[in-house]
Amino acid sequence: MGRRAVVAALLMGALCAGETAPARAAVRLEALEIVTAKGRVRFQVEIAASHAEQERGLMFRKALAADRGMLFTYARPQPVAYWMKNTLIPLDIIFIAPDGRVLSIARNAQPHSETPIASGGRVLGVLELSGGRAAQLGLLPGDRVLHRIFPKG
C-alpha cells in the first residue's frame, strides 16, 4: 500500500470515527444558504460528489453542528433514494430540485434504518442536516437553497 493510500485510509478512519480535529481540517467545506419565509441561514457543508463520498455520507458520525451539513451533488437531475444504515444520529434529508428549490424533506430520519427514503422526483442535490434543523428553520418544499451547483435566481 502506497503512502497516499495509507494517508487516505487513516483519514477515512478518522472521519468515520467521529470528526477528529486533524480530519476536520482536511475536509473541504463550502458555503450554502437556505432561504425560507423566516429569512436566510448560512451553513458550511461538506461536498459528497464522488460515488465513494456519497456511499459514506455521514455514516458513523456521532454529532453534526447546527451550522454544518453535507451536500450530495449529481452531474444530472435524477430520482434518488437514501437510507440511514450505519448512521448514528437523526438527520433531516432535503431533496433539492435542479432549480435550487426544495422538492421534499425527510424530517428526523431514523438512525440505522435501511428503509429507502425517496426524493419524490428528479433532484440535482441532497442536503443532510442535523435532525430537527429543518423545522427550526421553518424549511418547507418550495424554499430555495443557494449554492454553486444551482442556477442563480
N, C-alpha and C. Protein backbone atom coordinates (compact mmCIF):
# COMPACT_ATOMS: atom_id res chain seq x y z
N MET A 1 0.85 -1.18 0.00
CA MET A 1 0.00 0.00 0.00
C MET A 1 0.90 1.24 0.00
N GLY A 2 0.68 2.15 -0.95
CA GLY A 2 1.49 3.36 -1.03
C GLY A 2 1.15 4.36 0.05
N ARG A 3 1.99 5.38 0.20
CA ARG A 3 1.81 6.38 1.24
C ARG A 3 0.46 7.09 1.12
N ARG A 4 0.08 7.46 -0.11
CA ARG A 4 -1.21 8.12 -0.30
C ARG A 4 -2.36 7.25 0.17
N ALA A 5 -2.30 5.97 -0.15
CA ALA A 5 -3.37 5.06 0.25
C ALA A 5 -3.44 4.94 1.77
N VAL A 6 -2.30 4.90 2.43
CA VAL A 6 -2.27 4.82 3.89
C VAL A 6 -2.86 6.09 4.49
N VAL A 7 -2.43 7.25 3.99
CA VAL A 7 -2.95 8.52 4.49
C VAL A 7 -4.46 8.59 4.27
N ALA A 8 -4.91 8.19 3.08
CA ALA A 8 -6.34 8.21 2.78
C ALA A 8 -7.10 7.27 3.72
N ALA A 9 -6.55 6.09 3.98
CA ALA A 9 -7.20 5.13 4.88
C ALA A 9 -7.27 5.68 6.30
N LEU A 10 -6.19 6.33 6.76
CA LEU A 10 -6.19 6.91 8.09
C LEU A 10 -7.20 8.05 8.19
N LEU A 11 -7.26 8.89 7.16
CA LEU A 11 -8.20 10.00 7.15
C LEU A 11 -9.63 9.47 7.14
N MET A 12 -9.90 8.46 6.31
CA MET A 12 -11.23 7.87 6.24
C MET A 12 -11.62 7.30 7.60
N GLY A 13 -10.71 6.61 8.26
CA GLY A 13 -10.98 6.06 9.58
C GLY A 13 -11.28 7.15 10.59
N ALA A 14 -10.54 8.24 10.54
CA ALA A 14 -10.76 9.35 11.47
C ALA A 14 -12.12 9.99 11.23
N LEU A 15 -12.49 10.17 9.97
CA LEU A 15 -13.79 10.77 9.67
C LEU A 15 -14.92 9.87 10.15
N CYS A 16 -14.79 8.59 9.91
CA CYS A 16 -15.83 7.66 10.30
C CYS A 16 -15.93 7.52 11.82
N ALA A 17 -14.82 7.70 12.51
CA ALA A 17 -14.81 7.56 13.96
C ALA A 17 -15.44 8.74 14.66
N GLY A 18 -15.61 9.86 13.98
CA GLY A 18 -16.28 10.97 14.61
C GLY A 18 -15.55 12.29 14.57
N GLU A 19 -15.06 12.70 13.46
CA GLU A 19 -14.51 14.03 13.23
C GLU A 19 -13.47 14.47 14.25
N THR A 20 -12.27 13.98 14.12
CA THR A 20 -11.19 14.49 14.94
C THR A 20 -10.71 15.81 14.35
N ALA A 21 -9.98 16.60 15.13
CA ALA A 21 -9.52 17.91 14.66
C ALA A 21 -8.71 17.84 13.37
N PRO A 22 -7.68 16.94 13.26
CA PRO A 22 -6.93 16.88 12.01
C PRO A 22 -7.81 16.47 10.82
N ALA A 23 -8.75 15.56 11.03
CA ALA A 23 -9.61 15.12 9.94
C ALA A 23 -10.50 16.25 9.48
N ARG A 24 -11.04 17.02 10.43
CA ARG A 24 -11.91 18.12 10.08
C ARG A 24 -11.19 19.14 9.21
N ALA A 25 -9.92 19.40 9.51
CA ALA A 25 -9.16 20.37 8.73
C ALA A 25 -8.99 19.91 7.29
N ALA A 26 -8.97 18.60 7.05
CA ALA A 26 -8.76 18.06 5.71
C ALA A 26 -10.05 18.04 4.88
N VAL A 27 -11.19 18.16 5.53
CA VAL A 27 -12.47 18.11 4.82
C VAL A 27 -12.72 19.45 4.14
N ARG A 28 -13.11 19.39 2.88
CA ARG A 28 -13.41 20.61 2.12
C ARG A 28 -14.82 21.08 2.45
N LEU A 29 -14.93 22.32 2.92
CA LEU A 29 -16.22 22.90 3.26
C LEU A 29 -16.56 24.01 2.26
N GLU A 30 -17.83 24.13 1.95
CA GLU A 30 -18.30 25.19 1.06
C GLU A 30 -19.50 25.88 1.71
N ALA A 31 -19.68 27.13 1.38
CA ALA A 31 -20.83 27.89 1.88
C ALA A 31 -22.09 27.49 1.13
N LEU A 32 -23.19 27.44 1.86
CA LEU A 32 -24.51 27.15 1.31
C LEU A 32 -25.50 27.97 2.13
N GLU A 33 -26.51 28.52 1.49
CA GLU A 33 -27.54 29.27 2.20
C GLU A 33 -28.91 28.68 1.91
N ILE A 34 -29.74 28.73 2.92
CA ILE A 34 -31.14 28.32 2.78
C ILE A 34 -31.99 29.56 3.00
N VAL A 35 -32.95 29.78 2.09
CA VAL A 35 -33.83 30.93 2.18
C VAL A 35 -35.25 30.42 2.44
N THR A 36 -35.80 30.81 3.60
CA THR A 36 -37.16 30.44 3.98
C THR A 36 -37.95 31.72 4.25
N ALA A 37 -39.22 31.57 4.60
CA ALA A 37 -40.05 32.73 4.97
C ALA A 37 -39.49 33.42 6.21
N LYS A 38 -38.72 32.69 7.03
CA LYS A 38 -38.11 33.26 8.23
C LYS A 38 -36.82 34.01 7.93
N GLY A 39 -36.26 33.85 6.74
CA GLY A 39 -35.02 34.53 6.39
C GLY A 39 -33.98 33.58 5.83
N ARG A 40 -32.73 34.06 5.83
CA ARG A 40 -31.60 33.28 5.28
C ARG A 40 -30.76 32.71 6.42
N VAL A 41 -30.28 31.48 6.19
CA VAL A 41 -29.37 30.84 7.15
C VAL A 41 -28.21 30.27 6.36
N ARG A 42 -27.00 30.55 6.85
CA ARG A 42 -25.78 30.10 6.17
C ARG A 42 -25.23 28.84 6.86
N PHE A 43 -24.78 27.90 6.03
CA PHE A 43 -24.18 26.66 6.50
C PHE A 43 -22.82 26.48 5.86
N GLN A 44 -21.99 25.70 6.49
CA GLN A 44 -20.76 25.19 5.89
C GLN A 44 -21.01 23.71 5.65
N VAL A 45 -20.92 23.29 4.39
CA VAL A 45 -21.26 21.91 4.05
C VAL A 45 -20.08 21.18 3.44
N GLU A 46 -19.99 19.91 3.76
CA GLU A 46 -19.06 19.02 3.08
C GLU A 46 -19.72 18.63 1.77
N ILE A 47 -18.91 18.45 0.74
CA ILE A 47 -19.44 18.07 -0.56
C ILE A 47 -19.20 16.57 -0.79
N ALA A 48 -20.26 15.86 -1.10
CA ALA A 48 -20.18 14.45 -1.45
C ALA A 48 -20.52 14.34 -2.93
N ALA A 49 -19.48 14.37 -3.77
CA ALA A 49 -19.69 14.33 -5.21
C ALA A 49 -19.33 12.98 -5.81
N SER A 50 -18.30 12.35 -5.27
CA SER A 50 -17.88 11.06 -5.83
C SER A 50 -18.77 9.94 -5.28
N HIS A 51 -18.76 8.82 -5.97
CA HIS A 51 -19.55 7.66 -5.53
C HIS A 51 -19.14 7.24 -4.12
N ALA A 52 -17.84 7.19 -3.85
CA ALA A 52 -17.35 6.78 -2.52
C ALA A 52 -17.80 7.75 -1.44
N GLU A 53 -17.73 9.05 -1.72
CA GLU A 53 -18.17 10.06 -0.74
C GLU A 53 -19.67 9.93 -0.48
N GLN A 54 -20.43 9.65 -1.52
CA GLN A 54 -21.87 9.53 -1.37
C GLN A 54 -22.24 8.26 -0.62
N GLU A 55 -21.52 7.18 -0.85
CA GLU A 55 -21.78 5.94 -0.12
C GLU A 55 -21.52 6.11 1.37
N ARG A 56 -20.46 6.81 1.72
CA ARG A 56 -20.07 7.01 3.12
C ARG A 56 -20.97 8.04 3.79
N GLY A 57 -21.23 9.15 3.10
CA GLY A 57 -22.10 10.19 3.65
C GLY A 57 -21.72 10.57 5.07
N LEU A 58 -22.71 10.63 5.93
CA LEU A 58 -22.49 10.98 7.34
C LEU A 58 -22.52 9.75 8.25
N MET A 59 -22.29 8.58 7.66
CA MET A 59 -22.24 7.37 8.46
C MET A 59 -21.19 7.50 9.56
N PHE A 60 -21.47 6.91 10.69
CA PHE A 60 -20.56 6.78 11.84
C PHE A 60 -20.29 8.09 12.57
N ARG A 61 -20.88 9.20 12.13
CA ARG A 61 -20.69 10.47 12.84
C ARG A 61 -21.50 10.44 14.13
N LYS A 62 -20.92 10.96 15.18
CA LYS A 62 -21.60 10.99 16.47
C LYS A 62 -22.32 12.30 16.72
N ALA A 63 -22.01 13.32 15.93
CA ALA A 63 -22.64 14.63 16.08
C ALA A 63 -22.50 15.41 14.78
N LEU A 64 -23.35 16.41 14.62
CA LEU A 64 -23.28 17.31 13.48
C LEU A 64 -23.70 18.69 13.99
N ALA A 65 -22.82 19.66 13.90
CA ALA A 65 -23.11 21.00 14.39
C ALA A 65 -24.29 21.62 13.66
N ALA A 66 -24.97 22.55 14.31
CA ALA A 66 -26.18 23.17 13.76
C ALA A 66 -25.90 23.94 12.47
N ASP A 67 -24.66 24.41 12.29
CA ASP A 67 -24.33 25.19 11.09
C ASP A 67 -23.56 24.38 10.06
N ARG A 68 -23.57 23.06 10.19
CA ARG A 68 -22.88 22.17 9.26
C ARG A 68 -23.86 21.23 8.59
N GLY A 69 -23.41 20.65 7.49
CA GLY A 69 -24.22 19.68 6.77
C GLY A 69 -23.38 19.01 5.70
N MET A 70 -24.03 18.17 4.92
CA MET A 70 -23.36 17.52 3.79
C MET A 70 -24.28 17.67 2.58
N LEU A 71 -23.69 18.14 1.47
CA LEU A 71 -24.42 18.30 0.22
C LEU A 71 -23.96 17.23 -0.76
N PHE A 72 -24.90 16.38 -1.18
CA PHE A 72 -24.65 15.36 -2.18
C PHE A 72 -25.00 15.99 -3.53
N THR A 73 -24.06 15.96 -4.46
CA THR A 73 -24.28 16.60 -5.76
C THR A 73 -24.28 15.54 -6.86
N TYR A 74 -25.08 15.81 -7.89
CA TYR A 74 -25.20 14.89 -9.01
C TYR A 74 -24.91 15.63 -10.31
N ALA A 75 -24.34 14.93 -11.28
CA ALA A 75 -23.98 15.53 -12.57
C ALA A 75 -25.22 15.90 -13.38
N ARG A 76 -26.30 15.16 -13.18
CA ARG A 76 -27.54 15.45 -13.89
C ARG A 76 -28.72 15.15 -12.97
N PRO A 77 -29.84 15.82 -13.16
CA PRO A 77 -31.02 15.58 -12.32
C PRO A 77 -31.48 14.13 -12.42
N GLN A 78 -31.86 13.57 -11.28
CA GLN A 78 -32.30 12.18 -11.24
C GLN A 78 -33.08 11.91 -9.96
N PRO A 79 -33.97 10.91 -9.99
CA PRO A 79 -34.61 10.49 -8.75
C PRO A 79 -33.58 9.72 -7.91
N VAL A 80 -33.61 9.91 -6.60
CA VAL A 80 -32.68 9.22 -5.70
C VAL A 80 -33.43 8.71 -4.48
N ALA A 81 -32.81 7.80 -3.78
CA ALA A 81 -33.34 7.31 -2.51
C ALA A 81 -32.17 7.13 -1.55
N TYR A 82 -32.39 7.49 -0.30
CA TYR A 82 -31.36 7.41 0.74
C TYR A 82 -31.82 6.47 1.83
N TRP A 83 -30.87 5.98 2.61
CA TRP A 83 -31.19 5.20 3.80
C TRP A 83 -30.25 5.64 4.91
N MET A 84 -30.48 5.13 6.10
CA MET A 84 -29.74 5.58 7.28
C MET A 84 -28.85 4.48 7.87
N LYS A 85 -28.56 3.45 7.09
CA LYS A 85 -27.71 2.37 7.57
C LYS A 85 -26.38 2.94 8.07
N ASN A 86 -25.95 2.50 9.24
CA ASN A 86 -24.70 2.93 9.88
C ASN A 86 -24.65 4.42 10.20
N THR A 87 -25.79 5.08 10.18
CA THR A 87 -25.86 6.49 10.57
C THR A 87 -26.32 6.54 12.01
N LEU A 88 -25.54 7.20 12.85
CA LEU A 88 -25.76 7.16 14.30
C LEU A 88 -26.68 8.25 14.82
N ILE A 89 -26.90 9.29 14.04
CA ILE A 89 -27.70 10.44 14.50
C ILE A 89 -28.87 10.66 13.56
N PRO A 90 -30.00 11.20 14.06
CA PRO A 90 -31.11 11.51 13.16
C PRO A 90 -30.71 12.66 12.23
N LEU A 91 -31.20 12.60 11.02
CA LEU A 91 -30.89 13.63 10.03
C LEU A 91 -32.16 14.12 9.35
N ASP A 92 -32.13 15.39 8.95
CA ASP A 92 -33.14 15.90 8.02
C ASP A 92 -32.51 15.79 6.64
N ILE A 93 -33.22 15.15 5.72
CA ILE A 93 -32.72 14.95 4.37
C ILE A 93 -33.57 15.82 3.44
N ILE A 94 -32.91 16.80 2.82
CA ILE A 94 -33.59 17.78 1.98
C ILE A 94 -33.25 17.50 0.52
N PHE A 95 -34.26 17.15 -0.25
CA PHE A 95 -34.09 16.84 -1.66
C PHE A 95 -34.31 18.13 -2.45
N ILE A 96 -33.34 18.49 -3.30
CA ILE A 96 -33.33 19.79 -3.97
C ILE A 96 -33.44 19.62 -5.48
N ALA A 97 -34.45 20.26 -6.05
CA ALA A 97 -34.70 20.22 -7.50
C ALA A 97 -33.58 20.93 -8.25
N PRO A 98 -33.49 20.70 -9.56
CA PRO A 98 -32.42 21.32 -10.36
C PRO A 98 -32.38 22.85 -10.30
N ASP A 99 -33.52 23.49 -10.01
CA ASP A 99 -33.54 24.96 -9.94
C ASP A 99 -33.18 25.50 -8.55
N GLY A 100 -32.83 24.61 -7.61
CA GLY A 100 -32.44 25.03 -6.27
C GLY A 100 -33.60 25.11 -5.29
N ARG A 101 -34.78 24.75 -5.72
CA ARG A 101 -35.94 24.75 -4.83
C ARG A 101 -36.03 23.41 -4.09
N VAL A 102 -36.47 23.46 -2.84
CA VAL A 102 -36.66 22.25 -2.05
C VAL A 102 -37.83 21.48 -2.63
N LEU A 103 -37.56 20.24 -3.03
CA LEU A 103 -38.60 19.37 -3.58
C LEU A 103 -39.35 18.65 -2.47
N SER A 104 -38.59 18.06 -1.54
CA SER A 104 -39.20 17.34 -0.42
C SER A 104 -38.21 17.27 0.73
N ILE A 105 -38.75 16.95 1.92
CA ILE A 105 -37.92 16.88 3.12
C ILE A 105 -38.30 15.62 3.90
N ALA A 106 -37.31 14.82 4.24
CA ALA A 106 -37.50 13.70 5.16
C ALA A 106 -36.98 14.19 6.52
N ARG A 107 -37.90 14.43 7.44
CA ARG A 107 -37.54 15.02 8.73
C ARG A 107 -37.19 13.95 9.75
N ASN A 108 -36.11 14.18 10.49
CA ASN A 108 -35.67 13.28 11.56
C ASN A 108 -35.61 11.82 11.11
N ALA A 109 -34.91 11.59 10.01
CA ALA A 109 -34.75 10.21 9.52
C ALA A 109 -34.12 9.36 10.62
N GLN A 110 -34.66 8.19 10.81
CA GLN A 110 -34.31 7.29 11.91
C GLN A 110 -32.93 6.67 11.73
N PRO A 111 -32.03 6.85 12.71
CA PRO A 111 -30.71 6.21 12.62
C PRO A 111 -30.82 4.70 12.41
N HIS A 112 -29.90 4.15 11.65
CA HIS A 112 -29.76 2.71 11.36
C HIS A 112 -30.85 2.12 10.46
N SER A 113 -31.83 2.91 10.06
CA SER A 113 -32.91 2.38 9.24
C SER A 113 -32.39 2.07 7.83
N GLU A 114 -32.83 0.93 7.31
CA GLU A 114 -32.49 0.55 5.94
C GLU A 114 -33.68 0.77 5.00
N THR A 115 -34.71 1.43 5.49
CA THR A 115 -35.87 1.75 4.67
C THR A 115 -35.51 2.88 3.71
N PRO A 116 -35.68 2.67 2.41
CA PRO A 116 -35.34 3.74 1.45
C PRO A 116 -36.23 4.97 1.64
N ILE A 117 -35.62 6.13 1.53
CA ILE A 117 -36.32 7.41 1.59
C ILE A 117 -36.18 8.03 0.21
N ALA A 118 -37.28 8.07 -0.54
CA ALA A 118 -37.24 8.51 -1.94
C ALA A 118 -37.39 10.02 -2.05
N SER A 119 -36.75 10.57 -3.06
CA SER A 119 -36.77 12.02 -3.31
C SER A 119 -38.14 12.52 -3.76
N GLY A 120 -38.91 11.68 -4.42
CA GLY A 120 -40.21 12.11 -4.92
C GLY A 120 -40.13 12.84 -6.25
N GLY A 121 -38.99 12.77 -6.90
CA GLY A 121 -38.81 13.42 -8.19
C GLY A 121 -37.33 13.57 -8.49
N ARG A 122 -37.05 14.29 -9.59
CA ARG A 122 -35.66 14.47 -10.02
C ARG A 122 -34.98 15.57 -9.19
N VAL A 123 -33.78 15.27 -8.69
CA VAL A 123 -33.02 16.24 -7.90
C VAL A 123 -31.62 16.40 -8.46
N LEU A 124 -31.03 17.54 -8.17
CA LEU A 124 -29.64 17.80 -8.53
C LEU A 124 -28.74 17.75 -7.29
N GLY A 125 -29.39 17.87 -6.13
CA GLY A 125 -28.64 17.83 -4.88
C GLY A 125 -29.51 17.34 -3.73
N VAL A 126 -28.82 16.84 -2.70
CA VAL A 126 -29.49 16.42 -1.47
C VAL A 126 -28.66 16.97 -0.31
N LEU A 127 -29.33 17.65 0.61
CA LEU A 127 -28.66 18.24 1.75
C LEU A 127 -29.05 17.49 3.01
N GLU A 128 -28.06 17.07 3.79
CA GLU A 128 -28.32 16.44 5.07
C GLU A 128 -27.91 17.39 6.18
N LEU A 129 -28.84 17.62 7.11
CA LEU A 129 -28.63 18.47 8.28
C LEU A 129 -28.98 17.68 9.53
N SER A 130 -28.59 18.19 10.68
CA SER A 130 -28.97 17.55 11.95
C SER A 130 -30.48 17.43 12.03
N GLY A 131 -30.94 16.30 12.56
CA GLY A 131 -32.37 16.07 12.70
C GLY A 131 -33.03 17.19 13.49
N GLY A 132 -34.13 17.70 12.98
CA GLY A 132 -34.87 18.77 13.62
C GLY A 132 -34.49 20.16 13.14
N ARG A 133 -33.39 20.28 12.43
CA ARG A 133 -32.91 21.59 11.98
C ARG A 133 -33.86 22.21 10.95
N ALA A 134 -34.42 21.41 10.06
CA ALA A 134 -35.35 21.93 9.05
C ALA A 134 -36.57 22.56 9.72
N ALA A 135 -37.09 21.95 10.76
CA ALA A 135 -38.23 22.51 11.49
C ALA A 135 -37.83 23.81 12.18
N GLN A 136 -36.65 23.86 12.77
CA GLN A 136 -36.18 25.10 13.42
C GLN A 136 -36.13 26.25 12.43
N LEU A 137 -35.74 25.95 11.20
CA LEU A 137 -35.61 26.97 10.16
C LEU A 137 -36.94 27.32 9.51
N GLY A 138 -37.96 26.50 9.74
CA GLY A 138 -39.23 26.68 9.04
C GLY A 138 -39.13 26.27 7.58
N LEU A 139 -38.21 25.37 7.28
CA LEU A 139 -37.95 24.94 5.90
C LEU A 139 -39.13 24.14 5.36
N LEU A 140 -39.57 24.53 4.16
CA LEU A 140 -40.71 23.89 3.50
C LEU A 140 -40.39 23.63 2.03
N PRO A 141 -41.08 22.66 1.41
CA PRO A 141 -40.93 22.50 -0.03
C PRO A 141 -41.22 23.83 -0.73
N GLY A 142 -40.40 24.14 -1.74
CA GLY A 142 -40.53 25.39 -2.45
C GLY A 142 -39.52 26.44 -2.00
N ASP A 143 -38.99 26.30 -0.78
CA ASP A 143 -37.95 27.21 -0.32
C ASP A 143 -36.70 27.01 -1.16
N ARG A 144 -35.79 27.97 -1.11
CA ARG A 144 -34.62 27.95 -2.00
C ARG A 144 -33.34 27.61 -1.26
N VAL A 145 -32.49 26.84 -1.95
CA VAL A 145 -31.14 26.54 -1.49
C VAL A 145 -30.18 27.22 -2.45
N LEU A 146 -29.27 28.02 -1.90
CA LEU A 146 -28.30 28.75 -2.71
C LEU A 146 -26.93 28.10 -2.56
N HIS A 147 -26.41 27.63 -3.68
CA HIS A 147 -25.09 27.00 -3.75
C HIS A 147 -24.65 27.02 -5.20
N ARG A 148 -23.37 26.90 -5.43
CA ARG A 148 -22.81 27.00 -6.80
C ARG A 148 -23.41 25.98 -7.78
N ILE A 149 -23.93 24.84 -7.31
CA ILE A 149 -24.45 23.84 -8.26
C ILE A 149 -25.84 24.20 -8.79
N PHE A 150 -26.51 25.16 -8.14
CA PHE A 150 -27.86 25.55 -8.56
C PHE A 150 -27.79 26.88 -9.29
N PRO A 151 -28.65 27.06 -10.29
CA PRO A 151 -28.64 28.34 -11.03
C PRO A 151 -29.04 29.50 -10.12
N LYS A 152 -28.50 30.65 -10.43
CA LYS A 152 -28.86 31.87 -9.68
C LYS A 152 -30.29 32.25 -10.04
N GLY A 153 -31.00 32.79 -9.06
CA GLY A 153 -32.35 33.21 -9.41
C GLY A 153 -33.25 33.42 -8.30
